[in-house]
Amino acid sequence: MASKVFALVSSADREVALEVGLIYPLNAAKKGWMDEVKVIFFGPSEKVAANDVEVQGRIKELLEAGVEVLACKWCADRMGITEKLEVAGVKVVYVGSIISDLLKEGWASLTF
């Protein structure tokens, strides 16, 4: 059984991020539901993470809880938001191989 989970947040809907996409990972980390937790912003959600103050506050909470927060560099570069994401504490990297490796290693995945 997987004791590691990553949340792939791709929706441009900020409510998806705030109400479910970032809440479960935060609780899973803070309450010890899972041993390791990661959040990956992928595509349209990256604009929300870069520009929404409330989402950035949730990112800060995730980081404080020990959650690694990533975003796709290819997408961020194309949207011109790489620096904004980095300022928010998000690690901006190419995530395709990272996602593949996590799945191969048996991580559970949630998509929002």
PDB file of N, CA and C in Angstrom:
ATOM      1  N   MET A   1       0.847  -1.177   0.000  1.00  0.00           N
ATOM      2  CA  MET A   1       0.000   0.000   0.000  1.00  0.00           C
ATOM      3  C   MET A   1       0.896   1.245   0.000  1.00  0.00           C
ATOM      4  N   ALA A   2       0.543   2.211  -0.808  1.00  0.00           N
ATOM      5  CA  ALA A   2       1.342   3.430  -0.918  1.00  0.00           C
ATOM      6  C   ALA A   2       1.194   4.284   0.334  1.00  0.00           C
ATOM      7  N   SER A   3       2.333   4.717   0.869  1.00  0.00           N
ATOM      8  CA  SER A   3       2.296   5.664   1.986  1.00  0.00           C
ATOM      9  C   SER A   3       2.828   7.020   1.539  1.00  0.00           C
ATOM     10  N   LYS A   4       2.898   7.168   0.216  1.00  0.00           N
ATOM     11  CA  LYS A   4       3.366   8.412  -0.388  1.00  0.00           C
ATOM     12  C   LYS A   4       2.339   8.854  -1.418  1.00  0.00           C
ATOM     13  N   VAL A   5       2.050  10.154  -1.449  1.00  0.00           N
ATOM     14  CA  VAL A   5       1.036  10.655  -2.376  1.00  0.00           C
ATOM     15  C   VAL A   5       1.504  11.967  -2.990  1.00  0.00           C
ATOM     16  N   PHE A   6       1.167  12.134  -4.257  1.00  0.00           N
ATOM     17  CA  PHE A   6       1.353  13.446  -4.870  1.00  0.00           C
ATOM     18  C   PHE A   6       0.037  13.892  -5.468  1.00  0.00           C
ATOM     19  N   ALA A   7      -0.210  15.191  -5.326  1.00  0.00           N
ATOM     20  CA  ALA A   7      -1.406  15.800  -5.898  1.00  0.00           C
ATOM     21  C   ALA A   7      -0.976  16.573  -7.132  1.00  0.00           C
ATOM     22  N   LEU A   8      -1.544  16.212  -8.260  1.00  0.00           N
ATOM     23  CA  LEU A   8      -1.293  16.909  -9.518  1.00  0.00           C
ATOM     24  C   LEU A   8      -2.434  17.901  -9.701  1.00  0.00           C
ATOM     25  N   VAL A   9      -2.127  19.173  -9.527  1.00  0.00           N
ATOM     26  CA  VAL A   9      -3.147  20.217  -9.617  1.00  0.00           C
ATOM     27  C   VAL A   9      -2.999  20.881 -10.978  1.00  0.00           C
ATOM     28  N   SER A  10      -4.013  20.704 -11.834  1.00  0.00           N
ATOM     29  CA  SER A  10      -3.931  21.272 -13.182  1.00  0.00           C
ATOM     30  C   SER A  10      -5.063  22.246 -13.488  1.00  0.00           C
ATOM     31  N   SER A  11      -6.124  22.201 -12.732  1.00  0.00           N
ATOM     32  CA  SER A  11      -7.285  23.048 -13.004  1.00  0.00           C
ATOM     33  C   SER A  11      -6.966  24.530 -12.811  1.00  0.00           C
ATOM     34  N   ALA A  12      -7.484  25.349 -13.710  1.00  0.00           N
ATOM     35  CA  ALA A  12      -7.342  26.803 -13.586  1.00  0.00           C
ATOM     36  C   ALA A  12      -8.352  27.386 -12.601  1.00  0.00           C
ATOM     37  N   ASP A  13      -9.226  26.569 -12.068  1.00  0.00           N
ATOM     38  CA  ASP A  13     -10.245  27.009 -11.116  1.00  0.00           C
ATOM     39  C   ASP A  13      -9.617  27.131  -9.727  1.00  0.00           C
ATOM     40  N   ARG A  14      -9.516  28.335  -9.221  1.00  0.00           N
ATOM     41  CA  ARG A  14      -8.874  28.565  -7.926  1.00  0.00           C
ATOM     42  C   ARG A  14      -9.595  27.837  -6.795  1.00  0.00           C
ATOM     43  N   GLU A  15     -10.916  27.671  -6.928  1.00  0.00           N
ATOM     44  CA  GLU A  15     -11.674  26.969  -5.893  1.00  0.00           C
ATOM     45  C   GLU A  15     -11.264  25.504  -5.815  1.00  0.00           C
ATOM     46  N   VAL A  16     -10.944  24.919  -6.946  1.00  0.00           N
ATOM     47  CA  VAL A  16     -10.463  23.532  -6.938  1.00  0.00           C
ATOM     48  C   VAL A  16      -9.177  23.455  -6.125  1.00  0.00           C
ATOM     49  N   ALA A  17      -8.269  24.381  -6.364  1.00  0.00           N
ATOM     50  CA  ALA A  17      -7.010  24.395  -5.614  1.00  0.00           C
ATOM     51  C   ALA A  17      -7.259  24.619  -4.129  1.00  0.00           C
ATOM     52  N   LEU A  18      -8.039  25.630  -3.809  1.00  0.00           N
ATOM     53  CA  LEU A  18      -8.235  26.007  -2.409  1.00  0.00           C
ATOM     54  C   LEU A  18      -9.090  25.028  -1.622  1.00  0.00           C
ATOM     55  N   GLU A  19     -10.109  24.467  -2.242  1.00  0.00           N
ATOM     56  CA  GLU A  19     -11.055  23.625  -1.510  1.00  0.00           C
ATOM     57  C   GLU A  19     -10.672  22.149  -1.452  1.00  0.00           C
ATOM     58  N   VAL A  20      -9.938  21.656  -2.442  1.00  0.00           N
ATOM     59  CA  VAL A  20      -9.575  20.236  -2.418  1.00  0.00           C
ATOM     60  C   VAL A  20      -8.132  19.966  -2.821  1.00  0.00           C
ATOM     61  N   GLY A  21      -7.679  20.585  -3.892  1.00  0.00           N
ATOM     62  CA  GLY A  21      -6.362  20.264  -4.453  1.00  0.00           C
ATOM     63  C   GLY A  21      -5.199  20.502  -3.518  1.00  0.00           C
ATOM     64  N   LEU A  22      -5.314  21.500  -2.659  1.00  0.00           N
ATOM     65  CA  LEU A  22      -4.238  21.794  -1.718  1.00  0.00           C
ATOM     66  C   LEU A  22      -4.598  21.443  -0.277  1.00  0.00           C
ATOM     67  N   ILE A  23      -5.873  21.263   0.001  1.00  0.00           N
ATOM     68  CA  ILE A  23      -6.297  20.927   1.369  1.00  0.00           C
ATOM     69  C   ILE A  23      -5.939  19.491   1.738  1.00  0.00           C
ATOM     70  N   TYR A  24      -6.240  18.541   0.855  1.00  0.00           N
ATOM     71  CA  TYR A  24      -5.896  17.156   1.203  1.00  0.00           C
ATOM     72  C   TYR A  24      -4.393  17.003   1.434  1.00  0.00           C
ATOM     73  N   PRO A  25      -3.538  17.480   0.526  1.00  0.00           N
ATOM     74  CA  PRO A  25      -2.099  17.332   0.778  1.00  0.00           C
ATOM     75  C   PRO A  25      -1.651  17.999   2.086  1.00  0.00           C
ATOM     76  N   LEU A  26      -2.225  19.149   2.391  1.00  0.00           N
ATOM     77  CA  LEU A  26      -1.863  19.837   3.630  1.00  0.00           C
ATOM     78  C   LEU A  26      -2.246  18.992   4.842  1.00  0.00           C
ATOM     79  N   ASN A  27      -3.465  18.485   4.856  1.00  0.00           N
ATOM     80  CA  ASN A  27      -3.905  17.652   5.977  1.00  0.00           C
ATOM     81  C   ASN A  27      -3.144  16.336   6.045  1.00  0.00           C
ATOM     82  N   ALA A  28      -2.867  15.737   4.889  1.00  0.00           N
ATOM     83  CA  ALA A  28      -2.127  14.471   4.863  1.00  0.00           C
ATOM     84  C   ALA A  28      -0.744  14.639   5.485  1.00  0.00           C
ATOM     85  N   ALA A  29      -0.119  15.786   5.240  1.00  0.00           N
ATOM     86  CA  ALA A  29       1.206  16.048   5.809  1.00  0.00           C
ATOM     87  C   ALA A  29       1.111  16.408   7.292  1.00  0.00           C
ATOM     88  N   LYS A  30       0.231  17.339   7.631  1.00  0.00           N
ATOM     89  CA  LYS A  30       0.141  17.821   9.010  1.00  0.00           C
ATOM     90  C   LYS A  30      -0.361  16.757   9.977  1.00  0.00           C
ATOM     91  N   LYS A  31      -1.275  15.912   9.506  1.00  0.00           N
ATOM     92  CA  LYS A  31      -1.889  14.919  10.392  1.00  0.00           C
ATOM     93  C   LYS A  31      -1.232  13.544  10.293  1.00  0.00           C
ATOM     94  N   GLY A  32      -0.190  13.441   9.440  1.00  0.00           N
ATOM     95  CA  GLY A  32       0.540  12.187   9.329  1.00  0.00           C
ATOM     96  C   GLY A  32      -0.210  11.075   8.627  1.00  0.00           C
ATOM     97  N   TRP A  33      -1.189  11.434   7.805  1.00  0.00           N
ATOM     98  CA  TRP A  33      -1.936  10.412   7.077  1.00  0.00           C
ATOM     99  C   TRP A  33      -1.042   9.670   6.088  1.00  0.00           C
ATOM    100  N   MET A  34      -0.060  10.381   5.546  1.00  0.00           N
ATOM    101  CA  MET A  34       0.872   9.797   4.578  1.00  0.00           C
ATOM    102  C   MET A  34       2.291  10.133   5.024  1.00  0.00           C
ATOM    103  N   ASP A  35       3.237   9.265   4.641  1.00  0.00           N
ATOM    104  CA  ASP A  35       4.632   9.484   5.026  1.00  0.00           C
ATOM    105  C   ASP A  35       5.284  10.608   4.230  1.00  0.00           C
ATOM    106  N   GLU A  36       4.959  10.692   2.955  1.00  0.00           N
ATOM    107  CA  GLU A  36       5.512  11.749   2.102  1.00  0.00           C
ATOM    108  C   GLU A  36       4.406  12.320   1.232  1.00  0.00           C
ATOM    109  N   VAL A  37       4.456  13.631   1.036  1.00  0.00           N
ATOM    110  CA  VAL A  37       3.431  14.324   0.254  1.00  0.00           C
ATOM    111  C   VAL A  37       4.112  15.351  -0.643  1.00  0.00           C
ATOM    112  N   LYS A  38       3.684  15.389  -1.887  1.00  0.00           N
ATOM    113  CA  LYS A  38       4.156  16.391  -2.841  1.00  0.00           C
ATOM    114  C   LYS A  38       2.941  16.998  -3.537  1.00  0.00           C
ATOM    115  N   VAL A  39       3.099  18.245  -3.991  1.00  0.00           N
ATOM    116  CA  VAL A  39       2.096  18.903  -4.822  1.00  0.00           C
ATOM    117  C   VAL A  39       2.794  19.337  -6.096  1.00  0.00           C
ATOM    118  N   ILE A  40       2.169  19.051  -7.230  1.00  0.00           N
ATOM    119  CA  ILE A  40       2.718  19.467  -8.517  1.00  0.00           C
ATOM    120  C   ILE A  40       1.672  20.303  -9.243  1.00  0.00           C
ATOM    121  N   PHE A  41       1.995  21.577  -9.459  1.00  0.00           N
ATOM    122  CA  PHE A  41       1.158  22.434 -10.301  1.00  0.00           C
ATOM    123  C   PHE A  41       1.562  22.160 -11.740  1.00  0.00           C
ATOM    124  N   PHE A  42       0.551  21.939 -12.598  1.00  0.00           N
ATOM    125  CA  PHE A  42       0.845  21.511 -13.966  1.00  0.00           C
ATOM    126  C   PHE A  42      -0.118  22.203 -14.917  1.00  0.00           C
ATOM    127  N   GLY A  43       0.400  23.079 -15.756  1.00  0.00           N
ATOM    128  CA  GLY A  43      -0.437  23.738 -16.751  1.00  0.00           C
ATOM    129  C   GLY A  43      -1.211  24.914 -16.196  1.00  0.00           C
ATOM    130  N   PRO A  44      -2.527  24.986 -16.494  1.00  0.00           N
ATOM    131  CA  PRO A  44      -3.336  26.160 -16.145  1.00  0.00           C
ATOM    132  C   PRO A  44      -3.297  26.544 -14.666  1.00  0.00           C
ATOM    133  N   SER A  45      -3.140  25.589 -13.786  1.00  0.00           N
ATOM    134  CA  SER A  45      -3.106  25.890 -12.349  1.00  0.00           C
ATOM    135  C   SER A  45      -1.899  26.739 -11.968  1.00  0.00           C
ATOM    136  N   GLU A  46      -0.877  26.707 -12.783  1.00  0.00           N
ATOM    137  CA  GLU A  46       0.331  27.475 -12.474  1.00  0.00           C
ATOM    138  C   GLU A  46       0.048  28.975 -12.470  1.00  0.00           C
ATOM    139  N   LYS A  47      -0.846  29.422 -13.351  1.00  0.00           N
ATOM    140  CA  LYS A  47      -1.223  30.843 -13.357  1.00  0.00           C
ATOM    141  C   LYS A  47      -1.908  31.215 -12.048  1.00  0.00           C
ATOM    142  N   VAL A  48      -2.746  30.323 -11.555  1.00  0.00           N
ATOM    143  CA  VAL A  48      -3.431  30.564 -10.284  1.00  0.00           C
ATOM    144  C   VAL A  48      -2.400  30.654  -9.158  1.00  0.00           C
ATOM    145  N   ALA A  49      -1.469  29.718  -9.133  1.00  0.00           N
ATOM    146  CA  ALA A  49      -0.443  29.714  -8.085  1.00  0.00           C
ATOM    147  C   ALA A  49       0.434  30.960  -8.147  1.00  0.00           C
ATOM    148  N   ALA A  50       0.694  31.436  -9.342  1.00  0.00           N
ATOM    149  CA  ALA A  50       1.566  32.600  -9.516  1.00  0.00           C
ATOM    150  C   ALA A  50       0.878  33.910  -9.165  1.00  0.00           C
ATOM    151  N   ASN A  51      -0.441  33.968  -9.307  1.00  0.00           N
ATOM    152  CA  ASN A  51      -1.140  35.253  -9.225  1.00  0.00           C
ATOM    153  C   ASN A  51      -2.158  35.400  -8.099  1.00  0.00           C
ATOM    154  N   ASP A  52      -2.534  34.323  -7.437  1.00  0.00           N
ATOM    155  CA  ASP A  52      -3.580  34.382  -6.418  1.00  0.00           C
ATOM    156  C   ASP A  52      -2.957  34.378  -5.016  1.00  0.00           C
ATOM    157  N   VAL A  53      -3.172  35.436  -4.278  1.00  0.00           N
ATOM    158  CA  VAL A  53      -2.569  35.601  -2.957  1.00  0.00           C
ATOM    159  C   VAL A  53      -3.022  34.508  -1.988  1.00  0.00           C
ATOM    160  N   GLU A  54      -4.289  34.132  -2.056  1.00  0.00           N
ATOM    161  CA  GLU A  54      -4.795  33.100  -1.144  1.00  0.00           C
ATOM    162  C   GLU A  54      -4.165  31.741  -1.451  1.00  0.00           C
ATOM    163  N   VAL A  55      -4.014  31.426  -2.720  1.00  0.00           N
ATOM    164  CA  VAL A  55      -3.350  30.175  -3.103  1.00  0.00           C
ATOM    165  C   VAL A  55      -1.891  30.219  -2.647  1.00  0.00           C
ATOM    166  N   GLN A  56      -1.247  31.361  -2.787  1.00  0.00           N
ATOM    167  CA  GLN A  56       0.139  31.492  -2.333  1.00  0.00           C
ATOM    168  C   GLN A  56       0.250  31.303  -0.822  1.00  0.00           C
ATOM    169  N   GLY A  57      -0.760  31.747  -0.091  1.00  0.00           N
ATOM    170  CA  GLY A  57      -0.787  31.505   1.348  1.00  0.00           C
ATOM    171  C   GLY A  57      -0.872  30.027   1.670  1.00  0.00           C
ATOM    172  N   ARG A  58      -1.670  29.315   0.894  1.00  0.00           N
ATOM    173  CA  ARG A  58      -1.792  27.869   1.093  1.00  0.00           C
ATOM    174  C   ARG A  58      -0.473  27.176   0.735  1.00  0.00           C
ATOM    175  N   ILE A  59       0.210  27.666  -0.304  1.00  0.00           N
ATOM    176  CA  ILE A  59       1.522  27.109  -0.663  1.00  0.00           C
ATOM    177  C   ILE A  59       2.488  27.269   0.510  1.00  0.00           C
ATOM    178  N   LYS A  60       2.471  28.420   1.137  1.00  0.00           N
ATOM    179  CA  LYS A  60       3.338  28.655   2.297  1.00  0.00           C
ATOM    180  C   LYS A  60       3.034  27.651   3.405  1.00  0.00           C
ATOM    181  N   GLU A  61       1.752  27.408   3.658  1.00  0.00           N
ATOM    182  CA  GLU A  61       1.358  26.421   4.672  1.00  0.00           C
ATOM    183  C   GLU A  61       1.876  25.032   4.313  1.00  0.00           C
ATOM    184  N   LEU A  62       1.763  24.671   3.034  1.00  0.00           N
ATOM    185  CA  LEU A  62       2.256  23.370   2.583  1.00  0.00           C
ATOM    186  C   LEU A  62       3.752  23.249   2.828  1.00  0.00           C
ATOM    187  N   LEU A  63       4.491  24.274   2.450  1.00  0.00           N
ATOM    188  CA  LEU A  63       5.941  24.257   2.636  1.00  0.00           C
ATOM    189  C   LEU A  63       6.293  24.139   4.114  1.00  0.00           C
ATOM    190  N   GLU A  64       5.589  24.859   4.958  1.00  0.00           N
ATOM    191  CA  GLU A  64       5.830  24.795   6.404  1.00  0.00           C
ATOM    192  C   GLU A  64       5.518  23.416   6.971  1.00  0.00           C
ATOM    193  N   ALA A  65       4.604  22.687   6.327  1.00  0.00           N
ATOM    194  CA  ALA A  65       4.242  21.336   6.763  1.00  0.00           C
ATOM    195  C   ALA A  65       5.182  20.280   6.188  1.00  0.00           C
ATOM    196  N   GLY A  66       6.180  20.712   5.404  1.00  0.00           N
ATOM    197  CA  GLY A  66       7.152  19.775   4.850  1.00  0.00           C
ATOM    198  C   GLY A  66       6.784  19.193   3.504  1.00  0.00           C
ATOM    199  N   VAL A  67       5.786  19.767   2.850  1.00  0.00           N
ATOM    200  CA  VAL A  67       5.361  19.292   1.531  1.00  0.00           C
ATOM    201  C   VAL A  67       6.237  19.944   0.466  1.00  0.00           C
ATOM    202  N   GLU A  68       6.757  19.139  -0.443  1.00  0.00           N
ATOM    203  CA  GLU A  68       7.500  19.687  -1.574  1.00  0.00           C
ATOM    204  C   GLU A  68       6.485  20.162  -2.611  1.00  0.00           C
ATOM    205  N   VAL A  69       6.622  21.407  -3.047  1.00  0.00           N
ATOM    206  CA  VAL A  69       5.691  21.996  -4.006  1.00  0.00           C
ATOM    207  C   VAL A  69       6.458  22.304  -5.285  1.00  0.00           C
ATOM    208  N   LEU A  70       6.010  21.690  -6.370  1.00  0.00           N
ATOM    209  CA  LEU A  70       6.680  21.808  -7.664  1.00  0.00           C
ATOM    210  C   LEU A  70       5.745  22.419  -8.694  1.00  0.00           C
ATOM    211  N   ALA A  71       6.332  22.947  -9.760  1.00  0.00           N
ATOM    212  CA  ALA A  71       5.564  23.395 -10.924  1.00  0.00           C
ATOM    213  C   ALA A  71       6.368  23.066 -12.168  1.00  0.00           C
ATOM    214  N   CYS A  72       5.658  22.890 -13.260  1.00  0.00           N
ATOM    215  CA  CYS A  72       6.277  22.538 -14.534  1.00  0.00           C
ATOM    216  C   CYS A  72       7.019  23.740 -15.125  1.00  0.00           C
ATOM    217  N   LYS A  73       8.306  23.579 -15.316  1.00  0.00           N
ATOM    218  CA  LYS A  73       9.130  24.661 -15.866  1.00  0.00           C
ATOM    219  C   LYS A  73       8.734  24.987 -17.297  1.00  0.00           C
ATOM    220  N   TRP A  74       8.468  23.981 -18.102  1.00  0.00           N
ATOM    221  CA  TRP A  74       8.113  24.228 -19.503  1.00  0.00           C
ATOM    222  C   TRP A  74       6.865  25.104 -19.568  1.00  0.00           C
ATOM    223  N   CYS A  75       5.857  24.740 -18.786  1.00  0.00           N
ATOM    224  CA  CYS A  75       4.612  25.523 -18.774  1.00  0.00           C
ATOM    225  C   CYS A  75       4.854  26.923 -18.222  1.00  0.00           C
ATOM    226  N   ALA A  76       5.555  27.016 -17.104  1.00  0.00           N
ATOM    227  CA  ALA A  76       5.793  28.312 -16.463  1.00  0.00           C
ATOM    228  C   ALA A  76       6.574  29.244 -17.380  1.00  0.00           C
ATOM    229  N   ASP A  77       7.586  28.715 -18.043  1.00  0.00           N
ATOM    230  CA  ASP A  77       8.373  29.538 -18.966  1.00  0.00           C
ATOM    231  C   ASP A  77       7.500  30.056 -20.106  1.00  0.00           C
ATOM    232  N   ARG A  78       6.656  29.193 -20.652  1.00  0.00           N
ATOM    233  CA  ARG A  78       5.782  29.603 -21.756  1.00  0.00           C
ATOM    234  C   ARG A  78       4.783  30.676 -21.330  1.00  0.00           C
ATOM    235  N   MET A  79       4.355  30.616 -20.064  1.00  0.00           N
ATOM    236  CA  MET A  79       3.387  31.591 -19.557  1.00  0.00           C
ATOM    237  C   MET A  79       4.067  32.826 -18.963  1.00  0.00           C
ATOM    238  N   GLY A  80       5.387  32.801 -18.875  1.00  0.00           N
ATOM    239  CA  GLY A  80       6.122  33.938 -18.329  1.00  0.00           C
ATOM    240  C   GLY A  80       5.931  34.149 -16.837  1.00  0.00           C
ATOM    241  N   ILE A  81       5.750  33.053 -16.085  1.00  0.00           N
ATOM    242  CA  ILE A  81       5.457  33.176 -14.650  1.00  0.00           C
ATOM    243  C   ILE A  81       6.461  32.444 -13.765  1.00  0.00           C
ATOM    244  N   THR A  82       7.568  32.011 -14.328  1.00  0.00           N
ATOM    245  CA  THR A  82       8.551  31.237 -13.564  1.00  0.00           C
ATOM    246  C   THR A  82       9.008  31.984 -12.316  1.00  0.00           C
ATOM    247  N   GLU A  83       9.382  33.235 -12.473  1.00  0.00           N
ATOM    248  CA  GLU A  83       9.895  34.000 -11.332  1.00  0.00           C
ATOM    249  C   GLU A  83       8.829  34.179 -10.251  1.00  0.00           C
ATOM    250  N   LYS A  84       7.589  34.437 -10.647  1.00  0.00           N
ATOM    251  CA  LYS A  84       6.504  34.592  -9.665  1.00  0.00           C
ATOM    252  C   LYS A  84       6.326  33.317  -8.847  1.00  0.00           C
ATOM    253  N   LEU A  85       6.400  32.173  -9.508  1.00  0.00           N
ATOM    254  CA  LEU A  85       6.257  30.902  -8.802  1.00  0.00           C
ATOM    255  C   LEU A  85       7.414  30.688  -7.830  1.00  0.00           C
ATOM    256  N   GLU A  86       8.612  30.992  -8.278  1.00  0.00           N
ATOM    257  CA  GLU A  86       9.782  30.820  -7.413  1.00  0.00           C
ATOM    258  C   GLU A  86       9.702  31.731  -6.190  1.00  0.00           C
ATOM    259  N   VAL A  87       9.242  32.959  -6.376  1.00  0.00           N
ATOM    260  CA  VAL A  87       9.076  33.891  -5.251  1.00  0.00           C
ATOM    261  C   VAL A  87       8.064  33.335  -4.247  1.00  0.00           C
ATOM    262  N   ALA A  88       7.058  32.616  -4.741  1.00  0.00           N
ATOM    263  CA  ALA A  88       6.043  32.011  -3.867  1.00  0.00           C
ATOM    264  C   ALA A  88       6.553  30.753  -3.162  1.00  0.00           C
ATOM    265  N   GLY A  89       7.788  30.340  -3.469  1.00  0.00           N
ATOM    266  CA  GLY A  89       8.370  29.169  -2.818  1.00  0.00           C
ATOM    267  C   GLY A  89       8.234  27.880  -3.593  1.00  0.00           C
ATOM    268  N   VAL A  90       7.702  27.972  -4.802  1.00  0.00           N
ATOM    269  CA  VAL A  90       7.493  26.785  -5.632  1.00  0.00           C
ATOM    270  C   VAL A  90       8.796  26.442  -6.355  1.00  0.00           C
ATOM    271  N   LYS A  91       9.133  25.167  -6.352  1.00  0.00           N
ATOM    272  CA  LYS A  91      10.306  24.680  -7.080  1.00  0.00           C
ATOM    273  C   LYS A  91       9.880  24.459  -8.534  1.00  0.00           C
ATOM    274  N   VAL A  92      10.432  25.239  -9.451  1.00  0.00           N
ATOM    275  CA  VAL A  92      10.034  25.174 -10.858  1.00  0.00           C
ATOM    276  C   VAL A  92      11.041  24.309 -11.608  1.00  0.00           C
ATOM    277  N   VAL A  93      10.588  23.137 -12.039  1.00  0.00           N
ATOM    278  CA  VAL A  93      11.447  22.152 -12.701  1.00  0.00           C
ATOM    279  C   VAL A  93      10.652  21.451 -13.799  1.00  0.00           C
ATOM    280  N   TYR A  94      11.363  20.744 -14.664  1.00  0.00           N
ATOM    281  CA  TYR A  94      10.678  19.913 -15.654  1.00  0.00           C
ATOM    282  C   TYR A  94      10.099  18.711 -14.913  1.00  0.00           C
ATOM    283  N   VAL A  95       8.786  18.541 -14.952  1.00  0.00           N
ATOM    284  CA  VAL A  95       8.133  17.552 -14.095  1.00  0.00           C
ATOM    285  C   VAL A  95       7.754  16.243 -14.785  1.00  0.00           C
ATOM    286  N   GLY A  96       7.877  16.171 -16.099  1.00  0.00           N
ATOM    287  CA  GLY A  96       7.462  14.952 -16.795  1.00  0.00           C
ATOM    288  C   GLY A  96       8.143  13.707 -16.266  1.00  0.00           C
ATOM    289  N   SER A  97       9.463  13.740 -16.164  1.00  0.00           N
ATOM    290  CA  SER A  97      10.191  12.566 -15.681  1.00  0.00           C
ATOM    291  C   SER A  97       9.961  12.361 -14.187  1.00  0.00           C
ATOM    292  N   ILE A  98       9.758  13.444 -13.452  1.00  0.00           N
ATOM    293  CA  ILE A  98       9.493  13.327 -12.013  1.00  0.00           C
ATOM    294  C   ILE A  98       8.170  12.602 -11.780  1.00  0.00           C
ATOM    295  N   ILE A  99       7.138  13.002 -12.504  1.00  0.00           N
ATOM    296  CA  ILE A  99       5.835  12.334 -12.380  1.00  0.00           C
ATOM    297  C   ILE A  99       5.966  10.855 -12.731  1.00  0.00           C
ATOM    298  N   SER A 100       6.660  10.564 -13.822  1.00  0.00           N
ATOM    299  CA  SER A 100       6.847   9.169 -14.241  1.00  0.00           C
ATOM    300  C   SER A 100       7.574   8.367 -13.173  1.00  0.00           C
ATOM    301  N   ASP A 101       8.626   8.938 -12.602  1.00  0.00           N
ATOM    302  CA  ASP A 101       9.383   8.235 -11.565  1.00  0.00           C
ATOM    303  C   ASP A 101       8.537   7.998 -10.317  1.00  0.00           C
ATOM    304  N   LEU A 102       7.759   8.989  -9.918  1.00  0.00           N
ATOM    305  CA  LEU A 102       6.902   8.813  -8.742  1.00  0.00           C
ATOM    306  C   LEU A 102       5.917   7.662  -8.952  1.00  0.00           C
ATOM    307  N   LEU A 103       5.324   7.603 -10.124  1.00  0.00           N
ATOM    308  CA  LEU A 103       4.381   6.520 -10.421  1.00  0.00           C
ATOM    309  C   LEU A 103       5.083   5.164 -10.418  1.00  0.00           C
ATOM    310  N   LYS A 104       6.269   5.094 -11.011  1.00  0.00           N
ATOM    311  CA  LYS A 104       7.034   3.838 -11.034  1.00  0.00           C
ATOM    312  C   LYS A 104       7.411   3.391  -9.630  1.00  0.00           C
ATOM    313  N   GLU A 105       7.631   4.368  -8.740  1.00  0.00           N
ATOM    314  CA  GLU A 105       8.021   4.062  -7.364  1.00  0.00           C
ATOM    315  C   GLU A 105       6.824   3.726  -6.476  1.00  0.00           C
ATOM    316  N   GLY A 106       5.618   3.730  -7.055  1.00  0.00           N
ATOM    317  CA  GLY A 106       4.438   3.323  -6.307  1.00  0.00           C
ATOM    318  C   GLY A 106       3.717   4.426  -5.555  1.00  0.00           C
ATOM    319  N   TRP A 107       4.058   5.689  -5.836  1.00  0.00           N
ATOM    320  CA  TRP A 107       3.345   6.794  -5.194  1.00  0.00           C
ATOM    321  C   TRP A 107       1.893   6.799  -5.661  1.00  0.00           C
ATOM    322  N   ALA A 108       0.987   7.074  -4.751  1.00  0.00           N
ATOM    323  CA  ALA A 108      -0.410   7.282  -5.123  1.00  0.00           C
ATOM    324  C   ALA A 108      -0.522   8.671  -5.738  1.00  0.00           C
ATOM    325  N   SER A 109      -1.420   8.809  -6.703  1.00  0.00           N
ATOM    326  CA  SER A 109      -1.594  10.117  -7.340  1.00  0.00           C
ATOM    327  C   SER A 109      -3.048  10.555  -7.251  1.00  0.00           C
ATOM    328  N   LEU A 110      -3.224  11.841  -7.030  1.00  0.00           N
ATOM    329  CA  LEU A 110      -4.538  12.474  -7.030  1.00  0.00           C
ATOM    330  C   LEU A 110      -4.476  13.592  -8.050  1.00  0.00           C
ATOM    331  N   THR A 111      -5.514  13.743  -8.837  1.00  0.00           N
ATOM    332  CA  THR A 111      -5.518  14.782  -9.864  1.00  0.00           C
ATOM    333  C   THR A 111      -6.691  15.727  -9.638  1.00  0.00           C
ATOM    334  N   PHE A 112      -6.371  17.007  -9.634  1.00  0.00           N
ATOM    335  CA  PHE A 112      -7.386  18.038  -9.420  1.00  0.00           C
ATOM    336  C   PHE A 112      -7.325  19.046 -10.552  1.00  0.00           C
TER     337      PHE A 112
END
